[in-house]
């Protein structure tokens, strides 16, 4: 009986998290209606999740939203993806060739998440995107992955100050054995060092070369 009750409670908690994922900033009454639970039950679940940092309450409205801990869980998952085992040295090589920060990213719903990076050694850096979400269409990496889902040809996308002021990004994709895009590979740098005047040269060449090398390794070792 206790095991069944515990399972039911876990299912309710997961349903509540899913509700907040789909629609942020919900009140107890709204959650109660969405989940089909009485308010006391919802309050108990919210209290437990809040203690664990999985949700947080806004002071002004009293509504609830997903907490920072959910981002940590998500990041813990994506940073251990198999692709990292095969890509780290290549990414380091690309960083050394360009002396700019290199990122791996993945598509999640309508967003792109940057889950691994090798930072530039330059004194001036663009703000880190590691572990952060951006609307896919606002980034070169996101657009590259979306385009690669429909096109098996060479993919190359650029973004000059679209996602962030004074920041540039050039991106391509890494594919699996079926030519499906499994990650974005991009270079992000201040626009003073990566811009419309110089990106077509060595930056583009090295980026596409490294992406091809990682793709070829994946086709050999991935099941």
C-alpha atoms as a PDB file:
ATOM      1  CA  UNK A   1       0.000   0.000   0.000  1.00  0.00           C
ATOM      2  CA  UNK A   2       2.772   2.447   0.854  1.00  0.00           C
ATOM      3  CA  UNK A   3       4.605   1.715  -2.385  1.00  0.00           C
ATOM      4  CA  UNK A   4       1.477   2.357  -4.438  1.00  0.00           C
ATOM      5  CA  UNK A   5       0.821   5.567  -2.537  1.00  0.00           C
ATOM      6  CA  UNK A   6       4.391   6.702  -3.006  1.00  0.00           C
ATOM      7  CA  UNK A   7       4.213   6.000  -6.720  1.00  0.00           C
ATOM      8  CA  UNK A   8       0.976   7.924  -7.001  1.00  0.00           C
ATOM      9  CA  UNK A   9       2.514  10.903  -5.205  1.00  0.00           C
ATOM     10  CA  UNK A  10       5.525  10.856  -7.519  1.00  0.00           C
ATOM     11  CA  UNK A  11       3.242  10.788 -10.552  1.00  0.00           C
ATOM     12  CA  UNK A  12       1.334  13.799  -9.222  1.00  0.00           C
ATOM     13  CA  UNK A  13       4.570  15.689  -8.634  1.00  0.00           C
ATOM     14  CA  UNK A  14       5.781  14.902 -12.152  1.00  0.00           C
ATOM     15  CA  UNK A  15       2.454  15.991 -13.601  1.00  0.00           C
ATOM     16  CA  UNK A  16       2.768  19.275 -11.719  1.00  0.00           C
ATOM     17  CA  UNK A  17       6.293  19.850 -13.077  1.00  0.00           C
ATOM     18  CA  UNK A  18       5.039  19.114 -16.592  1.00  0.00           C
ATOM     19  CA  UNK A  19       2.253  21.654 -16.114  1.00  0.00           C
ATOM     20  CA  UNK A  20       4.748  24.333 -15.098  1.00  0.00           C
ATOM     21  CA  UNK A  21       6.979  23.395 -18.004  1.00  0.00           C
ATOM     22  CA  UNK A  22       4.162  23.937 -20.478  1.00  0.00           C
ATOM     23  CA  UNK A  23       2.868  27.126 -18.864  1.00  0.00           C
ATOM     24  CA  UNK A  24       5.021  29.029 -16.404  1.00  0.00           C
ATOM     25  CA  UNK A  25       3.766  31.134 -13.480  1.00  0.00           C
ATOM     26  CA  UNK A  26       0.682  29.249 -12.352  1.00  0.00           C
ATOM     27  CA  UNK A  27      -1.291  29.730  -9.164  1.00  0.00           C
ATOM     28  CA  UNK A  28      -2.599  27.001  -6.874  1.00  0.00           C
ATOM     29  CA  UNK A  29      -6.139  27.272  -8.252  1.00  0.00           C
ATOM     30  CA  UNK A  30      -4.922  26.928 -11.834  1.00  0.00           C
ATOM     31  CA  UNK A  31      -2.724  23.952 -10.953  1.00  0.00           C
ATOM     32  CA  UNK A  32      -5.588  22.353  -9.079  1.00  0.00           C
ATOM     33  CA  UNK A  33      -7.815  22.635 -12.158  1.00  0.00           C
ATOM     34  CA  UNK A  34      -5.144  21.411 -14.563  1.00  0.00           C
ATOM     35  CA  UNK A  35      -4.190  18.392 -12.445  1.00  0.00           C
ATOM     36  CA  UNK A  36      -7.682  17.562 -11.184  1.00  0.00           C
ATOM     37  CA  UNK A  37      -6.497  17.673  -7.562  1.00  0.00           C
ATOM     38  CA  UNK A  38      -7.845  19.523  -4.543  1.00  0.00           C
ATOM     39  CA  UNK A  39      -5.897  22.569  -3.380  1.00  0.00           C
ATOM     40  CA  UNK A  40      -4.605  20.944  -0.189  1.00  0.00           C
ATOM     41  CA  UNK A  41      -3.047  18.169  -2.246  1.00  0.00           C
ATOM     42  CA  UNK A  42      -1.473  20.694  -4.595  1.00  0.00           C
ATOM     43  CA  UNK A  43      -0.120  22.710  -1.656  1.00  0.00           C
ATOM     44  CA  UNK A  44       1.586  19.604  -0.217  1.00  0.00           C
ATOM     45  CA  UNK A  45       3.242  18.747  -3.538  1.00  0.00           C
ATOM     46  CA  UNK A  46       4.352  22.352  -4.055  1.00  0.00           C
ATOM     47  CA  UNK A  47       5.870  22.501  -0.580  1.00  0.00           C
ATOM     48  CA  UNK A  48       7.940  19.359  -1.201  1.00  0.00           C
ATOM     49  CA  UNK A  49       9.146  20.476  -4.623  1.00  0.00           C
ATOM     50  CA  UNK A  50       9.980  23.940  -3.325  1.00  0.00           C
ATOM     51  CA  UNK A  51      12.159  22.521  -0.539  1.00  0.00           C
ATOM     52  CA  UNK A  52      14.062  20.519  -3.175  1.00  0.00           C
ATOM     53  CA  UNK A  53      14.538  23.601  -5.344  1.00  0.00           C
ATOM     54  CA  UNK A  54      12.556  22.159  -8.241  1.00  0.00           C
ATOM     55  CA  UNK A  55      10.031  24.990  -8.135  1.00  0.00           C
ATOM     56  CA  UNK A  56      10.019  28.505  -6.748  1.00  0.00           C
ATOM     57  CA  UNK A  57       7.330  30.992  -5.796  1.00  0.00           C
ATOM     58  CA  UNK A  58       7.175  34.574  -6.998  1.00  0.00           C
ATOM     59  CA  UNK A  59       6.864  37.038  -4.143  1.00  0.00           C
ATOM     60  CA  UNK A  60       4.642  39.529  -5.981  1.00  0.00           C
ATOM     61  CA  UNK A  61       2.020  37.169  -7.448  1.00  0.00           C
ATOM     62  CA  UNK A  62       2.388  34.080  -5.267  1.00  0.00           C
ATOM     63  CA  UNK A  63       2.452  32.015  -8.459  1.00  0.00           C
ATOM     64  CA  UNK A  64       4.859  29.134  -9.042  1.00  0.00           C
ATOM     65  CA  UNK A  65       7.430  28.412 -11.719  1.00  0.00           C
ATOM     66  CA  UNK A  66      10.178  25.873 -12.328  1.00  0.00           C
ATOM     67  CA  UNK A  67      13.179  26.336 -10.038  1.00  0.00           C
ATOM     68  CA  UNK A  68      16.885  26.550 -10.785  1.00  0.00           C
ATOM     69  CA  UNK A  69      17.404  22.921  -9.746  1.00  0.00           C
ATOM     70  CA  UNK A  70      15.542  21.750 -12.873  1.00  0.00           C
ATOM     71  CA  UNK A  71      18.201  23.460 -14.994  1.00  0.00           C
ATOM     72  CA  UNK A  72      20.936  21.651 -13.068  1.00  0.00           C
ATOM     73  CA  UNK A  73      19.223  18.311 -13.710  1.00  0.00           C
ATOM     74  CA  UNK A  74      18.858  19.094 -17.392  1.00  0.00           C
ATOM     75  CA  UNK A  75      22.471  20.183 -17.667  1.00  0.00           C
ATOM     76  CA  UNK A  76      23.666  17.069 -15.834  1.00  0.00           C
ATOM     77  CA  UNK A  77      21.881  14.977 -18.440  1.00  0.00           C
ATOM     78  CA  UNK A  78      23.106  16.702 -21.571  1.00  0.00           C
ATOM     79  CA  UNK A  79      26.721  17.116 -20.427  1.00  0.00           C
ATOM     80  CA  UNK A  80      27.035  13.321 -20.232  1.00  0.00           C
ATOM     81  CA  UNK A  81      25.843  12.674 -23.774  1.00  0.00           C
ATOM     82  CA  UNK A  82      27.894  10.082 -25.666  1.00  0.00           C
ATOM     83  CA  UNK A  83      28.934  12.593 -28.284  1.00  0.00           C
ATOM     84  CA  UNK A  84      31.110  14.407 -25.730  1.00  0.00           C
ATOM     85  CA  UNK A  85      33.398  11.422 -25.356  1.00  0.00           C
ATOM     86  CA  UNK A  86      34.310  11.666 -29.026  1.00  0.00           C
ATOM     87  CA  UNK A  87      34.189  15.420 -29.567  1.00  0.00           C
ATOM     88  CA  UNK A  88      36.206  16.975 -26.735  1.00  0.00           C
ATOM     89  CA  UNK A  89      39.631  16.761 -28.365  1.00  0.00           C
ATOM     90  CA  UNK A  90      38.295  18.005 -31.694  1.00  0.00           C
ATOM     91  CA  UNK A  91      36.634  20.954 -29.982  1.00  0.00           C
ATOM     92  CA  UNK A  92      39.878  21.769 -28.204  1.00  0.00           C
ATOM     93  CA  UNK A  93      41.670  21.658 -31.557  1.00  0.00           C
ATOM     94  CA  UNK A  94      39.127  24.055 -33.062  1.00  0.00           C
ATOM     95  CA  UNK A  95      39.547  26.417 -30.123  1.00  0.00           C
ATOM     96  CA  UNK A  96      43.312  26.340 -30.570  1.00  0.00           C
ATOM     97  CA  UNK A  97      43.066  26.908 -34.339  1.00  0.00           C
ATOM     98  CA  UNK A  98      40.790  29.931 -34.009  1.00  0.00           C
ATOM     99  CA  UNK A  99      41.548  31.099 -30.459  1.00  0.00           C
ATOM    100  CA  UNK A 100      37.812  31.621 -29.998  1.00  0.00           C
ATOM    101  CA  UNK A 101      35.229  29.900 -27.789  1.00  0.00           C
ATOM    102  CA  UNK A 102      33.693  26.769 -29.302  1.00  0.00           C
ATOM    103  CA  UNK A 103      30.319  25.308 -28.297  1.00  0.00           C
ATOM    104  CA  UNK A 104      28.338  22.130 -28.707  1.00  0.00           C
ATOM    105  CA  UNK A 105      24.585  22.640 -28.580  1.00  0.00           C
ATOM    106  CA  UNK A 106      21.412  20.624 -28.933  1.00  0.00           C
ATOM    107  CA  UNK A 107      17.834  21.324 -29.908  1.00  0.00           C
ATOM    108  CA  UNK A 108      15.142  20.971 -27.238  1.00  0.00           C
ATOM    109  CA  UNK A 109      11.634  21.805 -28.397  1.00  0.00           C
ATOM    110  CA  UNK A 110      11.916  25.341 -29.829  1.00  0.00           C
ATOM    111  CA  UNK A 111      15.136  26.198 -27.998  1.00  0.00           C
ATOM    112  CA  UNK A 112      18.796  25.471 -28.415  1.00  0.00           C
ATOM    113  CA  UNK A 113      20.852  24.560 -25.329  1.00  0.00           C
ATOM    114  CA  UNK A 114      24.624  25.051 -25.215  1.00  0.00           C
ATOM    115  CA  UNK A 115      25.879  22.084 -23.231  1.00  0.00           C
ATOM    116  CA  UNK A 116      29.664  22.024 -23.695  1.00  0.00           C
ATOM    117  CA  UNK A 117      32.310  24.607 -24.481  1.00  0.00           C
ATOM    118  CA  UNK A 118      36.030  25.163 -24.788  1.00  0.00           C
ATOM    119  CA  UNK A 119      36.690  28.763 -23.876  1.00  0.00           C
ATOM    120  CA  UNK A 120      38.952  31.143 -25.742  1.00  0.00           C
ATOM    121  CA  UNK A 121      42.189  32.201 -24.080  1.00  0.00           C
ATOM    122  CA  UNK A 122      41.710  35.776 -25.259  1.00  0.00           C
ATOM    123  CA  UNK A 123      41.453  38.511 -22.633  1.00  0.00           C
ATOM    124  CA  UNK A 124      38.076  39.754 -23.902  1.00  0.00           C
ATOM    125  CA  UNK A 125      35.308  37.140 -24.130  1.00  0.00           C
ATOM    126  CA  UNK A 126      31.658  37.084 -25.108  1.00  0.00           C
ATOM    127  CA  UNK A 127      29.277  36.223 -22.254  1.00  0.00           C
ATOM    128  CA  UNK A 128      29.229  32.479 -21.688  1.00  0.00           C
ATOM    129  CA  UNK A 129      26.320  30.524 -23.183  1.00  0.00           C
ATOM    130  CA  UNK A 130      27.171  27.302 -21.364  1.00  0.00           C
ATOM    131  CA  UNK A 131      24.086  25.633 -19.904  1.00  0.00           C
ATOM    132  CA  UNK A 132      21.808  28.353 -21.272  1.00  0.00           C
ATOM    133  CA  UNK A 133      18.751  28.245 -23.542  1.00  0.00           C
ATOM    134  CA  UNK A 134      18.098  30.519 -26.473  1.00  0.00           C
ATOM    135  CA  UNK A 135      15.221  30.517 -28.956  1.00  0.00           C
ATOM    136  CA  UNK A 136      16.579  28.342 -31.762  1.00  0.00           C
ATOM    137  CA  UNK A 137      15.716  30.753 -34.555  1.00  0.00           C
ATOM    138  CA  UNK A 138      17.631  33.569 -32.857  1.00  0.00           C
ATOM    139  CA  UNK A 139      20.978  31.722 -32.959  1.00  0.00           C
ATOM    140  CA  UNK A 140      23.207  30.439 -35.727  1.00  0.00           C
ATOM    141  CA  UNK A 141      23.475  27.074 -33.962  1.00  0.00           C
ATOM    142  CA  UNK A 142      19.710  26.702 -33.650  1.00  0.00           C
ATOM    143  CA  UNK A 143      19.080  27.621 -37.273  1.00  0.00           C
ATOM    144  CA  UNK A 144      21.809  25.240 -38.414  1.00  0.00           C
ATOM    145  CA  UNK A 145      20.252  22.287 -36.580  1.00  0.00           C
ATOM    146  CA  UNK A 146      16.758  23.115 -37.859  1.00  0.00           C
ATOM    147  CA  UNK A 147      18.021  23.463 -41.420  1.00  0.00           C
ATOM    148  CA  UNK A 148      19.969  20.194 -41.177  1.00  0.00           C
ATOM    149  CA  UNK A 149      16.775  18.327 -40.335  1.00  0.00           C
ATOM    150  CA  UNK A 150      15.582  19.052 -43.885  1.00  0.00           C
ATOM    151  CA  UNK A 151      18.843  19.362 -45.817  1.00  0.00           C
ATOM    152  CA  UNK A 152      21.636  16.776 -45.986  1.00  0.00           C
ATOM    153  CA  UNK A 153      24.032  19.150 -47.702  1.00  0.00           C
ATOM    154  CA  UNK A 154      26.661  21.374 -46.146  1.00  0.00           C
ATOM    155  CA  UNK A 155      25.162  23.479 -43.369  1.00  0.00           C
ATOM    156  CA  UNK A 156      26.584  26.831 -42.353  1.00  0.00           C
ATOM    157  CA  UNK A 157      24.783  29.612 -40.508  1.00  0.00           C
ATOM    158  CA  UNK A 158      25.919  32.997 -39.230  1.00  0.00           C
ATOM    159  CA  UNK A 159      24.595  35.446 -36.657  1.00  0.00           C
ATOM    160  CA  UNK A 160      26.007  38.926 -36.235  1.00  0.00           C
ATOM    161  CA  UNK A 161      24.546  40.634 -33.161  1.00  0.00           C
ATOM    162  CA  UNK A 162      21.166  38.956 -33.631  1.00  0.00           C
ATOM    163  CA  UNK A 163      21.090  36.983 -30.389  1.00  0.00           C
ATOM    164  CA  UNK A 164      23.373  39.308 -28.442  1.00  0.00           C
ATOM    165  CA  UNK A 165      24.726  42.777 -29.063  1.00  0.00           C
ATOM    166  CA  UNK A 166      28.385  42.881 -30.138  1.00  0.00           C
ATOM    167  CA  UNK A 167      28.534  39.069 -30.343  1.00  0.00           C
ATOM    168  CA  UNK A 168      28.900  36.885 -33.428  1.00  0.00           C
ATOM    169  CA  UNK A 169      28.290  33.187 -33.964  1.00  0.00           C
ATOM    170  CA  UNK A 170      29.004  30.914 -36.903  1.00  0.00           C
ATOM    171  CA  UNK A 171      27.643  27.372 -36.781  1.00  0.00           C
ATOM    172  CA  UNK A 172      27.296  24.044 -38.500  1.00  0.00           C
ATOM    173  CA  UNK A 173      26.117  20.590 -37.377  1.00  0.00           C
ATOM    174  CA  UNK A 174      27.438  17.204 -36.356  1.00  0.00           C
ATOM    175  CA  UNK A 175      25.547  14.251 -37.803  1.00  0.00           C
ATOM    176  CA  UNK A 176      25.048  10.576 -36.974  1.00  0.00           C
ATOM    177  CA  UNK A 177      25.363   7.578 -39.276  1.00  0.00           C
ATOM    178  CA  UNK A 178      21.982   8.377 -40.819  1.00  0.00           C
ATOM    179  CA  UNK A 179      22.981  12.004 -41.494  1.00  0.00           C
ATOM    180  CA  UNK A 180      20.570  13.174 -38.794  1.00  0.00           C
ATOM    181  CA  UNK A 181      21.860  16.279 -36.951  1.00  0.00           C
ATOM    182  CA  UNK A 182      22.695  15.362 -33.373  1.00  0.00           C
ATOM    183  CA  UNK A 183      24.377  18.597 -32.258  1.00  0.00           C
ATOM    184  CA  UNK A 184      25.339  22.067 -33.319  1.00  0.00           C
ATOM    185  CA  UNK A 185      28.990  23.091 -33.454  1.00  0.00           C
ATOM    186  CA  UNK A 186      29.653  26.801 -33.293  1.00  0.00           C
ATOM    187  CA  UNK A 187      32.204  29.514 -32.679  1.00  0.00           C
ATOM    188  CA  UNK A 188      31.073  32.469 -30.572  1.00  0.00           C
ATOM    189  CA  UNK A 189      33.202  35.603 -30.292  1.00  0.00           C
ATOM    190  CA  UNK A 190      33.102  39.380 -29.937  1.00  0.00           C
ATOM    191  CA  UNK A 191      32.162  40.966 -33.255  1.00  0.00           C
ATOM    192  CA  UNK A 192      35.460  42.832 -33.250  1.00  0.00           C
ATOM    193  CA  UNK A 193      37.230  39.501 -33.848  1.00  0.00           C
ATOM    194  CA  UNK A 194      34.598  37.529 -35.784  1.00  0.00           C
ATOM    195  CA  UNK A 195      32.602  39.530 -38.314  1.00  0.00           C
ATOM    196  CA  UNK A 196      31.374  39.864 -41.881  1.00  0.00           C
ATOM    197  CA  UNK A 197      34.851  40.774 -43.087  1.00  0.00           C
ATOM    198  CA  UNK A 198      36.706  37.702 -41.846  1.00  0.00           C
ATOM    199  CA  UNK A 199      34.317  34.796 -41.119  1.00  0.00           C
ATOM    200  CA  UNK A 200      34.491  33.323 -44.644  1.00  0.00           C
ATOM    201  CA  UNK A 201      38.186  32.554 -44.322  1.00  0.00           C
ATOM    202  CA  UNK A 202      39.868  30.328 -41.752  1.00  0.00           C
ATOM    203  CA  UNK A 203      36.961  30.503 -39.282  1.00  0.00           C
ATOM    204  CA  UNK A 204      34.549  28.824 -41.691  1.00  0.00           C
ATOM    205  CA  UNK A 205      37.178  26.401 -42.997  1.00  0.00           C
ATOM    206  CA  UNK A 206      38.211  25.106 -39.577  1.00  0.00           C
ATOM    207  CA  UNK A 207      34.631  24.933 -38.293  1.00  0.00           C
ATOM    208  CA  UNK A 208      33.410  22.804 -41.202  1.00  0.00           C
ATOM    209  CA  UNK A 209      36.537  20.634 -41.115  1.00  0.00           C
ATOM    210  CA  UNK A 210      36.211  19.815 -37.420  1.00  0.00           C
ATOM    211  CA  UNK A 211      32.474  19.151 -37.738  1.00  0.00           C
ATOM    212  CA  UNK A 212      33.190  16.660 -40.519  1.00  0.00           C
ATOM    213  CA  UNK A 213      35.871  14.943 -38.446  1.00  0.00           C
ATOM    214  CA  UNK A 214      33.559  14.556 -35.441  1.00  0.00           C
ATOM    215  CA  UNK A 215      30.749  13.327 -37.703  1.00  0.00           C
ATOM    216  CA  UNK A 216      33.028  10.695 -39.227  1.00  0.00           C
ATOM    217  CA  UNK A 217      34.114   9.473 -35.783  1.00  0.00           C
ATOM    218  CA  UNK A 218      30.485   9.238 -34.659  1.00  0.00           C
ATOM    219  CA  UNK A 219      29.587   7.152 -37.699  1.00  0.00           C
ATOM    220  CA  UNK A 220      32.312   4.690 -36.740  1.00  0.00           C
ATOM    221  CA  UNK A 221      31.790   4.380 -32.992  1.00  0.00           C
ATOM    222  CA  UNK A 222      28.134   5.149 -32.272  1.00  0.00           C
ATOM    223  CA  UNK A 223      25.836   2.084 -32.148  1.00  0.00           C
END
